[in-house]
């Protein structure tokens, strides 16, 4: 796979890390923080010296916000995030042909389902957090140039500003979060699957500097004459994504005059101060392999997602949430490293479904043929009017599947809901403080019940549960009297009804949750916990 001679052996002792990460964009930065929080020693290699001070991604979802909570920056974003107001798709005659409505509160995951954000602000917060972590070494102005494997570790060669400025490091794991032109993926020599989109778009980010008439929602202009997207960012940030038509010269769009001419079809350009203009080629790909031995890729290194569902960055964040806990549980709890094989098995199919939906929406927006656009409108508008159309964006984000969860009871075939996202309630703790669950409870296995009686079901497995790093929690209704509990059980009261409503809907009295907050299994009785622990023991058998 790798050129075993690509890094010359050095007699000097190399500095060793648990994990090396190539790339310190949002995905790589978040991965480093999740791993360091679990106690691992992390090296992050980033070729740029400073955070890129222009927006790129602009949409986050509530699942991504939960991961940012674990990274310690979610609540610092302030007014640099803004709830998504929904999206209207406008057809040929100016009529609505499709709608995405924002999900109303209460917010099941603790945050609005979709939000816009300002990427440079997020990256600076992540970078500041990294600089405060003693077990993260951030190597700026350096680029990964060579990789080899030896003695169950990965050796990496890093080059600075000159060819003479080179260093060699060793890590047990190497993870490429270095974008669409990933050096790590190239070194893995795994190839990329082309998923069939190749379009040029102009992106304009601007500050609104005076009052002008603009839509109160996101708009998808599904016009064959010039498809475009309007995005309401936080503060006074506004974005337009405009399709470059066949036969047009990309170089023309490097001229401000051409940009303003095209942009004036959608807005009074005198009301704007341009922040950034760029042309992008929407290539949709998935790497054929996401893991070889102890080398992984994540984010844009592993997949390229069209922007039409706002899931590009969110998909990468899901990658690192999935991978980080599996590495941590392998290294910190001595679990079988076969669980690392489940990273690609869980994440790759999930990402492909998201890409599929994004491509479908892109076809609706970007249709250039007038007759096909007429037929599109004639189909979609009646679906919208009749109520048959799905108008909730998050319904297009699938559950995960695989062996690391229980979807159905083996005996009764009843749903056990493995692979669905667990809710995030607001909790009140004994000292009176109120917090969202993920601000207090770390990325660990959780056994959560509605009362003390259900905790008894876990008692026979307490030793195994502790080896797994598991936490036991009782979430009572706010009106219930506090129970006397063993010291190993966290007791809280729920503020609101998110968890109680969820457990009623699932008809369960307890739930076993994975560290990435996906349900492992809902628990209804002692038999269910027996089956769940048996499966966990099989999957997470201790190393010999």
Protein backbone atom coordinates (compact mmCIF):
# COMPACT_ATOMS: atom_id res chain seq x y z
CA UNK A 1 0.00 0.00 0.00
CA UNK A 2 2.55 2.59 1.14
CA UNK A 3 6.11 3.04 0.08
CA UNK A 4 7.88 1.55 3.05
CA UNK A 5 11.09 3.36 2.08
CA UNK A 6 9.48 6.75 1.56
CA UNK A 7 10.69 7.97 4.94
CA UNK A 8 14.35 7.46 5.66
CA UNK A 9 15.04 6.06 9.08
CA UNK A 10 16.44 8.60 11.46
CA UNK A 11 18.78 7.71 14.29
CA UNK A 12 17.33 10.51 16.38
CA UNK A 13 14.34 9.47 18.45
CA UNK A 14 11.12 10.65 16.78
CA UNK A 15 8.43 12.36 18.78
CA UNK A 16 5.51 10.01 19.19
CA UNK A 17 1.79 10.77 19.38
CA UNK A 18 -1.31 8.71 19.79
CA UNK A 19 -2.96 10.38 16.79
CA UNK A 20 -1.70 12.62 13.99
CA UNK A 21 -4.24 14.69 12.04
CA UNK A 22 -3.53 16.31 8.69
CA UNK A 23 -5.61 19.47 8.34
CA UNK A 24 -6.97 21.93 10.90
CA UNK A 25 -10.18 23.07 9.28
CA UNK A 26 -13.36 22.63 11.35
CA UNK A 27 -13.36 18.83 10.91
CA UNK A 28 -9.72 18.29 11.86
CA UNK A 29 -9.91 20.82 14.70
CA UNK A 30 -13.00 19.19 16.20
CA UNK A 31 -11.45 15.73 15.91
CA UNK A 32 -8.33 16.88 17.75
CA UNK A 33 -10.40 18.35 20.59
CA UNK A 34 -12.55 15.23 20.97
CA UNK A 35 -9.49 12.99 21.12
CA UNK A 36 -7.55 15.28 23.46
CA UNK A 37 -10.53 15.55 25.78
CA UNK A 38 -10.33 11.79 26.13
CA UNK A 39 -6.68 12.03 27.17
CA UNK A 40 -4.88 11.17 23.93
CA UNK A 41 -1.77 12.95 22.72
CA UNK A 42 -2.53 14.59 19.37
CA UNK A 43 -0.44 16.18 16.62
CA UNK A 44 -2.25 18.48 14.17
CA UNK A 45 -0.49 19.49 10.95
CA UNK A 46 -1.82 22.54 9.08
CA UNK A 47 -0.14 24.12 6.07
CA UNK A 48 -1.69 27.58 6.59
CA UNK A 49 -0.43 29.88 9.33
CA UNK A 50 -3.77 31.58 10.01
CA UNK A 51 -7.47 30.80 9.84
CA UNK A 52 -8.79 31.55 6.36
CA UNK A 53 -10.76 34.76 6.86
CA UNK A 54 -13.49 34.03 4.32
CA UNK A 55 -16.69 32.00 4.67
CA UNK A 56 -16.99 28.62 2.97
CA UNK A 57 -19.47 26.35 4.75
CA UNK A 58 -22.43 28.33 6.07
CA UNK A 59 -24.89 25.72 7.45
CA UNK A 60 -24.78 23.60 10.61
CA UNK A 61 -27.43 21.29 12.03
CA UNK A 62 -28.43 20.36 15.56
CA UNK A 63 -26.35 17.18 15.54
CA UNK A 64 -23.26 19.20 14.61
CA UNK A 65 -24.03 21.66 17.40
CA UNK A 66 -24.04 18.80 19.92
CA UNK A 67 -20.55 17.83 18.81
CA UNK A 68 -19.48 21.45 19.15
CA UNK A 69 -20.78 21.29 22.71
CA UNK A 70 -18.37 18.43 23.41
CA UNK A 71 -15.60 20.57 21.88
CA UNK A 72 -16.49 23.37 24.30
CA UNK A 73 -17.33 26.10 21.78
CA UNK A 74 -21.05 25.80 20.92
CA UNK A 75 -22.25 28.34 23.46
CA UNK A 76 -19.50 30.81 22.51
CA UNK A 77 -20.79 31.29 18.98
CA UNK A 78 -23.30 33.94 20.10
CA UNK A 79 -24.80 35.95 17.25
CA UNK A 80 -22.48 34.30 14.71
CA UNK A 81 -25.13 31.58 14.43
CA UNK A 82 -28.73 32.08 13.40
CA UNK A 83 -31.70 29.67 13.15
CA UNK A 84 -32.51 28.68 9.59
CA UNK A 85 -35.76 30.41 8.52
CA UNK A 86 -36.73 27.74 5.98
CA UNK A 87 -36.38 27.52 2.20
CA UNK A 88 -38.74 28.33 -0.65
CA UNK A 89 -38.19 26.84 -4.10
CA UNK A 90 -39.42 29.25 -6.78
CA UNK A 91 -40.52 27.84 -10.12
CA UNK A 92 -40.70 29.29 -13.61
CA UNK A 93 -43.65 31.61 -12.99
CA UNK A 94 -42.56 32.78 -9.56
CA UNK A 95 -44.78 30.21 -7.82
CA UNK A 96 -43.76 27.96 -4.92
CA UNK A 97 -42.96 24.44 -6.08
CA UNK A 98 -41.22 23.12 -2.94
CA UNK A 99 -40.78 24.23 0.67
CA UNK A 100 -38.59 23.33 3.62
CA UNK A 101 -40.05 24.61 6.89
CA UNK A 102 -37.97 24.99 10.07
CA UNK A 103 -38.83 22.53 12.83
CA UNK A 104 -40.63 24.36 15.66
CA UNK A 105 -39.55 24.13 19.32
CA UNK A 106 -39.13 22.30 21.57
CA UNK A 107 -35.86 21.36 19.89
CA UNK A 108 -35.30 17.63 20.32
CA UNK A 109 -31.50 17.83 20.16
CA UNK A 110 -31.23 21.03 22.19
CA UNK A 111 -30.71 23.32 19.18
CA UNK A 112 -32.74 24.49 16.16
CA UNK A 113 -32.64 21.74 13.56
CA UNK A 114 -30.65 23.88 11.10
CA UNK A 115 -28.62 27.06 11.59
CA UNK A 116 -26.37 29.34 9.57
CA UNK A 117 -22.94 30.33 10.92
CA UNK A 118 -19.84 32.34 10.07
CA UNK A 119 -17.01 29.88 9.48
CA UNK A 120 -13.98 32.07 10.33
CA UNK A 121 -15.48 32.83 13.75
CA UNK A 122 -16.06 29.13 14.45
CA UNK A 123 -12.55 28.23 13.33
CA UNK A 124 -10.97 30.90 15.53
CA UNK A 125 -12.88 29.58 18.54
CA UNK A 126 -11.75 26.03 17.78
CA UNK A 127 -8.16 27.18 17.29
CA UNK A 128 -8.21 29.04 20.62
CA UNK A 129 -9.54 25.92 22.32
CA UNK A 130 -6.80 23.83 20.74
CA UNK A 131 -4.11 26.23 21.94
CA UNK A 132 -5.39 25.76 25.51
CA UNK A 133 -5.00 21.96 25.36
CA UNK A 134 -1.65 20.74 26.65
CA UNK A 135 -1.96 17.40 24.86
CA UNK A 136 -2.48 18.92 21.38
CA UNK A 137 0.57 20.00 19.39
CA UNK A 138 -0.60 22.31 16.58
CA UNK A 139 2.05 22.56 13.88
CA UNK A 140 1.14 25.51 11.64
CA UNK A 141 2.84 26.40 8.35
CA UNK A 142 3.70 22.75 7.76
CA UNK A 143 2.42 20.18 5.30
CA UNK A 144 2.34 16.40 5.35
CA UNK A 145 4.48 15.19 2.47
CA UNK A 146 5.13 11.49 3.10
CA UNK A 147 3.65 8.52 4.91
CA UNK A 148 4.82 5.01 5.75
CA UNK A 149 3.85 2.26 8.16
CA UNK A 150 6.20 0.35 10.39
CA UNK A 151 6.01 -1.51 13.71
CA UNK A 152 2.25 -0.94 14.16
CA UNK A 153 2.67 2.81 13.85
CA UNK A 154 2.51 5.42 11.14
CA UNK A 155 5.56 7.52 10.35
CA UNK A 156 4.93 10.87 8.73
CA UNK A 157 7.25 13.38 7.15
CA UNK A 158 6.30 17.03 7.50
CA UNK A 159 7.79 19.93 5.56
CA UNK A 160 7.75 23.60 6.52
CA UNK A 161 8.31 26.66 4.36
CA UNK A 162 11.53 25.31 2.83
CA UNK A 163 12.57 21.88 1.64
CA UNK A 164 15.28 21.87 4.31
CA UNK A 165 12.72 22.43 7.06
CA UNK A 166 11.47 18.87 7.45
CA UNK A 167 10.50 16.84 10.48
CA UNK A 168 9.47 13.24 11.07
CA UNK A 169 6.90 12.09 13.61
CA UNK A 170 5.37 8.82 14.65
CA UNK A 171 1.77 8.15 15.65
CA UNK A 172 -0.37 5.10 16.18
CA UNK A 173 -3.10 6.58 13.98
CA UNK A 174 -3.08 9.05 11.11
CA UNK A 175 -6.30 10.77 10.04
CA UNK A 176 -6.63 12.87 6.91
CA UNK A 177 -8.93 15.87 7.34
CA UNK A 178 -7.10 17.73 4.60
CA UNK A 179 -9.86 18.36 2.08
CA UNK A 180 -10.77 17.30 -1.41
CA UNK A 181 -7.11 17.14 -2.50
CA UNK A 182 -6.17 15.10 0.55
CA UNK A 183 -2.51 14.14 0.84
CA UNK A 184 -3.50 11.28 3.17
CA UNK A 185 -6.04 9.85 0.72
CA UNK A 186 -3.45 10.08 -2.07
CA UNK A 187 -0.94 8.23 0.10
CA UNK A 188 -3.56 5.54 0.80
CA UNK A 189 -3.88 5.04 -2.97
CA UNK A 190 -7.52 3.99 -2.65
CA UNK A 191 -9.17 5.82 -5.53
CA UNK A 192 -12.29 7.96 -5.62
CA UNK A 193 -15.76 7.06 -6.83
CA UNK A 194 -17.30 9.76 -9.05
CA UNK A 195 -20.96 10.20 -8.06
CA UNK A 196 -21.91 12.12 -11.14
CA UNK A 197 -22.16 15.90 -10.63
CA UNK A 198 -19.82 18.31 -12.41
CA UNK A 199 -21.10 21.90 -12.42
CA UNK A 200 -19.58 25.36 -12.08
CA UNK A 201 -21.13 27.87 -9.66
CA UNK A 202 -20.32 31.40 -8.59
CA UNK A 203 -20.47 32.08 -4.83
CA UNK A 204 -20.81 35.64 -3.55
CA UNK A 205 -20.70 36.47 0.16
CA UNK A 206 -21.58 40.04 1.05
CA UNK A 207 -22.40 42.34 3.95
CA UNK A 208 -25.76 44.08 3.79
CA UNK A 209 -24.90 47.76 4.33
CA UNK A 210 -28.28 49.39 3.82
CA UNK A 211 -31.96 48.51 3.74
CA UNK A 212 -33.12 46.76 0.60
CA UNK A 213 -35.87 44.34 -0.26
CA UNK A 214 -34.73 40.75 0.31
CA UNK A 215 -36.66 37.54 1.01
CA UNK A 216 -37.18 36.58 4.69
CA UNK A 217 -36.23 32.95 3.88
CA UNK A 218 -33.66 31.05 1.87
CA UNK A 219 -34.66 31.04 -1.79
CA UNK A 220 -33.90 28.48 -4.48
CA UNK A 221 -34.45 30.21 -7.81
CA UNK A 222 -35.27 27.21 -10.00
CA UNK A 223 -34.96 29.22 -13.22
CA UNK A 224 -33.42 27.60 -16.31
CA UNK A 225 -32.27 31.06 -17.40
CA UNK A 226 -29.96 31.24 -14.35
CA UNK A 227 -30.49 28.95 -11.31
CA UNK A 228 -29.41 30.46 -8.01
CA UNK A 229 -29.61 30.22 -4.22
CA UNK A 230 -30.08 33.02 -1.69
CA UNK A 231 -28.83 32.41 1.87
CA UNK A 232 -29.63 34.49 4.97
CA UNK A 233 -26.50 34.33 7.08
CA UNK A 234 -26.04 35.57 10.65
CA UNK A 235 -25.64 39.28 11.37
CA UNK A 236 -25.62 41.14 8.05
CA UNK A 237 -24.00 38.34 6.02
CA UNK A 238 -25.84 37.31 2.85
CA UNK A 239 -24.85 34.74 0.25
CA UNK A 240 -25.79 34.05 -3.35
CA UNK A 241 -24.78 30.89 -5.19
CA UNK A 242 -25.32 31.34 -8.94
CA UNK A 243 -24.96 28.69 -11.62
CA UNK A 244 -22.46 29.37 -14.39
CA UNK A 245 -24.11 28.38 -17.65
CA UNK A 246 -22.62 26.04 -20.28
CA UNK A 247 -20.36 27.93 -22.63
CA UNK A 248 -19.57 30.73 -20.18
CA UNK A 249 -15.92 31.41 -19.40
CA UNK A 250 -14.97 31.03 -15.72
CA UNK A 251 -12.37 33.76 -16.12
CA UNK A 252 -15.13 36.27 -16.84
CA UNK A 253 -16.41 35.74 -13.31
CA UNK A 254 -13.12 36.92 -11.90
CA UNK A 255 -14.12 40.44 -12.99
CA UNK A 256 -16.14 42.48 -10.52
CA UNK A 257 -18.24 43.92 -13.35
CA UNK A 258 -19.40 40.47 -14.44
CA UNK A 259 -20.16 39.41 -10.87
CA UNK A 260 -22.25 42.53 -10.25
CA UNK A 261 -24.08 42.11 -13.56
CA UNK A 262 -25.16 38.58 -12.69
CA UNK A 263 -25.86 39.36 -9.03
CA UNK A 264 -28.12 42.28 -9.96
CA UNK A 265 -30.73 39.76 -11.16
CA UNK A 266 -31.42 38.91 -7.50
CA UNK A 267 -30.58 42.00 -5.40
CA UNK A 268 -29.84 45.71 -5.50
CA UNK A 269 -26.05 45.44 -5.52
CA UNK A 270 -25.64 49.01 -4.20
CA UNK A 271 -26.90 47.66 -0.84
CA UNK A 272 -23.97 45.28 -0.56
CA UNK A 273 -20.31 45.28 0.38
CA UNK A 274 -18.72 42.23 -1.21
CA UNK A 275 -16.83 40.01 1.22
CA UNK A 276 -15.82 37.21 -1.14
CA UNK A 277 -16.44 35.97 -4.65
CA UNK A 278 -15.29 32.57 -5.86
CA UNK A 279 -16.08 30.02 -8.53
CA UNK A 280 -16.57 26.42 -7.45
CA UNK A 281 -16.85 23.18 -9.34
CA UNK A 282 -19.44 20.95 -7.68
CA UNK A 283 -17.81 17.55 -7.94
CA UNK A 284 -19.54 14.81 -5.98
CA UNK A 285 -17.30 11.95 -4.89
CA UNK A 286 -16.76 9.28 -2.27
CA UNK A 287 -13.45 7.62 -1.54
CA UNK A 288 -13.49 3.91 -2.28
CA UNK A 289 -11.93 3.22 1.11
CA UNK A 290 -11.99 5.36 4.26
CA UNK A 291 -9.59 3.22 6.29
CA UNK A 292 -6.49 1.17 5.63
CA UNK A 293 -4.86 -0.30 8.72
CA UNK A 294 -4.46 2.64 11.15
CA UNK A 295 -4.88 5.37 8.55
CA UNK A 296 -8.27 7.03 8.06
CA UNK A 297 -9.85 9.89 6.15
CA UNK A 298 -12.79 12.08 7.17
CA UNK A 299 -14.74 15.07 5.91
CA UNK A 300 -14.02 16.31 2.38
CA UNK A 301 -11.05 13.94 2.24
CA UNK A 302 -13.56 11.06 2.23
CA UNK A 303 -16.54 12.58 0.40
CA UNK A 304 -17.62 15.67 -1.50
CA UNK A 305 -21.26 16.61 -0.94
CA UNK A 306 -23.33 19.03 -3.05
CA UNK A 307 -24.40 22.14 -1.10
CA UNK A 308 -28.12 21.81 -1.79
CA UNK A 309 -28.99 20.17 1.54
CA UNK A 310 -26.52 22.16 3.64
CA UNK A 311 -24.84 18.96 4.79
CA UNK A 312 -21.26 19.21 3.54
CA UNK A 313 -19.59 20.19 6.82
CA UNK A 314 -22.23 18.41 8.92
CA UNK A 315 -21.35 15.12 7.22
CA UNK A 316 -17.68 15.59 8.10
CA UNK A 317 -18.58 16.42 11.71
CA UNK A 318 -20.53 13.16 11.93
CA UNK A 319 -17.43 11.37 10.64
CA UNK A 320 -15.19 12.61 13.44
CA UNK A 321 -17.82 12.08 16.15
CA UNK A 322 -18.07 8.45 15.02
CA UNK A 323 -14.34 7.85 14.65
CA UNK A 324 -13.15 9.67 17.78
CA UNK A 325 -15.10 7.62 20.31
CA UNK A 326 -14.03 4.36 18.65
CA UNK A 327 -10.35 5.30 18.80
CA UNK A 328 -10.74 6.49 22.40
CA UNK A 329 -12.47 3.30 23.51
CA UNK A 330 -9.82 1.22 21.80
CA UNK A 331 -6.95 3.12 23.41
CA UNK A 332 -8.34 4.11 26.83
CA UNK A 333 -10.54 1.13 27.67
CA UNK A 334 -8.53 -1.64 26.02
CA UNK A 335 -11.33 -2.69 23.69
CA UNK A 336 -10.95 -4.79 20.57
CA UNK A 337 -9.65 -2.61 17.75
CA UNK A 338 -12.01 -4.36 15.33
CA UNK A 339 -14.53 -1.68 16.25
CA UNK A 340 -12.44 0.69 14.11
CA UNK A 341 -13.61 -1.24 11.05
CA UNK A 342 -17.16 -0.10 11.78
CA UNK A 343 -16.23 3.55 11.06
CA UNK A 344 -16.38 3.14 7.30
CA UNK A 345 -19.24 0.62 7.49
CA UNK A 346 -21.43 3.10 9.35
CA UNK A 347 -20.37 6.40 7.89
CA UNK A 348 -19.89 5.67 4.19
CA UNK A 349 -23.47 4.43 3.48
CA UNK A 350 -24.90 7.26 5.60
CA UNK A 351 -22.90 9.88 3.69
CA UNK A 352 -23.97 8.38 0.36
CA UNK A 353 -27.66 8.70 1.27
CA UNK A 354 -27.13 12.36 2.22
CA UNK A 355 -25.26 12.92 -1.06
CA UNK A 356 -28.08 11.22 -2.98
CA UNK A 357 -30.71 13.56 -1.50
CA UNK A 358 -28.52 16.62 -2.06
CA UNK A 359 -28.07 15.61 -5.71
CA UNK A 360 -31.84 15.23 -6.13
CA UNK A 361 -32.45 18.74 -4.78
CA UNK A 362 -29.63 20.04 -6.99
CA UNK A 363 -31.39 18.64 -10.05
CA UNK A 364 -34.59 20.46 -9.07
CA UNK A 365 -32.74 23.75 -8.62
CA UNK A 366 -30.28 23.53 -11.49
CA UNK A 367 -32.48 22.32 -14.37
CA UNK A 368 -31.52 24.27 -17.52
CA UNK A 369 -33.96 22.73 -19.99
CA UNK A 370 -37.14 24.80 -20.23
CA UNK A 371 -39.50 21.95 -21.12
CA UNK A 372 -38.18 19.72 -18.35
CA UNK A 373 -38.49 22.62 -15.90
CA UNK A 374 -42.16 23.02 -16.89
CA UNK A 375 -42.78 19.31 -16.25
CA UNK A 376 -40.91 19.59 -12.91
CA UNK A 377 -43.15 22.44 -11.77
CA UNK A 378 -46.28 20.59 -12.93
CA UNK A 379 -45.33 17.62 -10.72
CA UNK A 380 -43.98 19.39 -7.62
CA UNK A 381 -46.55 22.14 -7.13
CA UNK A 382 -49.57 19.80 -6.80
CA UNK A 383 -47.57 17.66 -4.33
CA UNK A 384 -46.90 20.76 -2.24
CA UNK A 385 -50.53 21.96 -2.34
CA UNK A 386 -51.92 18.51 -1.48
CA UNK A 387 -49.62 18.10 1.53
CA UNK A 388 -47.98 14.97 0.09
CA UNK A 389 -44.57 16.63 -0.09
CA UNK A 390 -42.11 16.18 2.77
CA UNK A 391 -41.28 19.69 3.96
CA UNK A 392 -38.98 18.92 6.93
CA UNK A 393 -35.32 19.03 5.92
CA UNK A 394 -34.06 16.74 8.70
CA UNK A 395 -36.31 13.90 7.49
CA UNK A 396 -33.81 13.48 4.67
CA UNK A 397 -30.97 12.69 7.11
CA UNK A 398 -31.06 8.92 7.69
CA UNK A 399 -30.47 6.84 10.81
CA UNK A 400 -27.26 4.85 10.93
CA UNK A 401 -27.13 1.09 10.40
CA UNK A 402 -24.64 -1.60 11.29
CA UNK A 403 -23.55 -4.07 13.92
CA UNK A 404 -22.88 -1.53 16.69
CA UNK A 405 -26.54 -1.21 17.66
CA UNK A 406 -29.76 -3.19 18.05
CA UNK A 407 -32.55 -2.24 15.68
CA UNK A 408 -34.97 -5.03 16.60
CA UNK A 409 -35.39 -7.55 19.39
CA UNK A 410 -34.01 -10.91 18.26
CA UNK A 411 -36.92 -12.74 19.88
CA UNK A 412 -39.97 -10.54 19.41
CA UNK A 413 -38.76 -8.51 16.36
CA UNK A 414 -40.07 -5.36 18.08
CA UNK A 415 -38.21 -2.12 17.37
CA UNK A 416 -35.32 -1.35 19.67
CA UNK A 417 -34.52 1.89 17.79
CA UNK A 418 -30.77 1.37 17.48
CA UNK A 419 -29.26 3.91 15.08
CA UNK A 420 -31.68 6.73 15.86
CA UNK A 421 -30.39 9.92 17.50
CA UNK A 422 -31.03 10.23 21.22
CA UNK A 423 -32.62 13.49 22.35
CA UNK A 424 -30.86 16.15 24.41
CA UNK A 425 -32.99 17.25 27.36
CA UNK A 426 -32.29 20.15 29.66
CA UNK A 427 -31.47 18.77 33.11
CA UNK A 428 -31.52 20.11 36.66
CA UNK A 429 -28.80 18.77 38.92
CA UNK A 430 -28.75 18.47 42.74
CA UNK A 431 -27.04 21.85 43.26
CA UNK A 432 -29.79 23.52 41.29
CA UNK A 433 -27.92 24.28 38.05
CA UNK A 434 -29.74 23.69 34.76
CA UNK A 435 -27.75 22.48 31.76
CA UNK A 436 -28.24 20.82 28.41
CA UNK A 437 -27.27 17.19 28.90
CA UNK A 438 -24.23 17.24 26.62
CA UNK A 439 -22.71 20.20 28.46
CA UNK A 440 -22.39 18.00 31.54
CA UNK A 441 -22.42 14.34 30.50
CA UNK A 442 -19.30 13.41 28.45
CA UNK A 443 -19.07 11.33 25.27
CA UNK A 444 -19.43 7.97 27.02
CA UNK A 445 -21.75 5.02 26.88
CA UNK A 446 -24.88 5.96 28.80
CA UNK A 447 -27.54 3.88 30.48
CA UNK A 448 -30.45 6.24 31.12
CA UNK A 449 -33.64 5.32 32.89
CA UNK A 450 -36.82 6.97 34.07
CA UNK A 451 -36.41 5.65 37.62
CA UNK A 452 -34.34 3.59 40.05
CA UNK A 453 -36.19 0.31 39.42
CA UNK A 454 -34.94 0.19 35.84
CA UNK A 455 -31.36 0.75 37.01
CA UNK A 456 -31.54 -2.56 38.87
CA UNK A 457 -31.49 -4.30 35.48
CA UNK A 458 -27.91 -3.05 34.97
CA UNK A 459 -26.63 -4.16 38.39
CA UNK A 460 -25.38 -7.61 37.27
CA UNK A 461 -23.22 -5.94 34.63
CA UNK A 462 -21.74 -3.10 36.70
CA UNK A 463 -18.14 -4.39 36.40
CA UNK A 464 -18.35 -4.64 32.61
CA UNK A 465 -20.11 -1.28 32.40
CA UNK A 466 -17.30 0.41 34.31
CA UNK A 467 -14.67 -1.20 32.04
CA UNK A 468 -16.58 0.29 29.12
CA UNK A 469 -16.42 3.72 30.77
CA UNK A 470 -20.20 3.75 30.97
CA UNK A 471 -22.29 6.22 32.97
CA UNK A 472 -25.63 5.45 34.63
CA UNK A 473 -28.23 8.22 34.81
CA UNK A 474 -31.76 8.62 36.11
CA UNK A 475 -33.80 11.41 34.50
CA UNK A 476 -36.90 12.06 36.57
CA UNK A 477 -39.81 14.29 35.71
CA UNK A 478 -39.46 17.71 37.29
CA UNK A 479 -42.42 17.04 39.59
CA UNK A 480 -41.10 13.75 40.95
CA UNK A 481 -39.53 13.36 44.38
CA UNK A 482 -35.80 12.65 44.44
CA UNK A 483 -34.99 8.98 44.95
CA UNK A 484 -32.18 7.65 47.10
CA UNK A 485 -29.65 6.21 44.67
CA UNK A 486 -26.27 4.47 44.77
CA UNK A 487 -23.35 6.88 44.33
CA UNK A 488 -22.41 5.43 40.92
CA UNK A 489 -25.73 6.63 39.45
CA UNK A 490 -26.20 10.26 38.38
CA UNK A 491 -29.66 11.51 39.33
CA UNK A 492 -31.22 14.50 37.58
CA UNK A 493 -34.60 16.05 36.93
CA UNK A 494 -35.76 17.06 33.49
CA UNK A 495 -36.69 20.66 32.77
CA UNK A 496 -39.44 20.30 30.20
CA UNK A 497 -40.67 17.08 28.61
CA UNK A 498 -38.28 16.20 25.79
CA UNK A 499 -36.97 12.98 27.39
CA UNK A 500 -40.27 11.93 28.98
CA UNK A 501 -42.11 12.46 25.69
CA UNK A 502 -39.39 10.58 23.82
CA UNK A 503 -39.47 7.59 26.20
CA UNK A 504 -43.27 7.50 25.98
CA UNK A 505 -43.10 7.56 22.18
CA UNK A 506 -40.56 4.73 22.23
CA UNK A 507 -42.61 2.85 24.87
CA UNK A 508 -39.42 2.27 26.86
CA UNK A 509 -38.34 2.78 30.45
CA UNK A 510 -34.61 2.95 29.76
CA UNK A 511 -32.17 3.39 26.90
CA UNK A 512 -28.58 2.45 26.19
CA UNK A 513 -26.83 5.26 24.27
CA UNK A 514 -23.52 5.24 22.39
CA UNK A 515 -20.89 7.95 23.00
CA UNK A 516 -21.87 9.73 19.74
CA UNK A 517 -25.43 9.95 21.13
CA UNK A 518 -26.91 7.38 18.79
CA UNK A 519 -29.21 4.89 20.48
CA UNK A 520 -27.65 1.46 20.92
CA UNK A 521 -30.97 -0.02 22.08
CA UNK A 522 -34.11 1.00 23.89
CA UNK A 523 -34.65 -1.11 27.00
CA UNK A 524 -38.05 -2.37 28.13
CA UNK A 525 -37.17 -5.10 30.65
CA UNK A 526 -34.37 -7.21 32.13
CA UNK A 527 -34.34 -9.42 29.04
CA UNK A 528 -33.54 -6.42 26.84
CA UNK A 529 -30.56 -5.36 28.94
CA UNK A 530 -29.30 -8.95 28.97
CA UNK A 531 -29.40 -9.03 25.16
CA UNK A 532 -27.79 -5.60 24.85
CA UNK A 533 -24.90 -6.39 27.18
CA UNK A 534 -24.35 -9.73 25.46
CA UNK A 535 -24.01 -7.95 22.14
CA UNK A 536 -21.72 -5.30 23.63
CA UNK A 537 -19.49 -7.98 25.13
CA UNK A 538 -19.25 -9.70 21.76
CA UNK A 539 -18.41 -6.49 19.92
CA UNK A 540 -16.13 -5.00 22.56
CA UNK A 541 -14.35 -8.13 23.72
CA UNK A 542 -11.20 -7.25 25.64
CA UNK A 543 -7.88 -7.52 23.83
CA UNK A 544 -5.85 -10.59 24.67
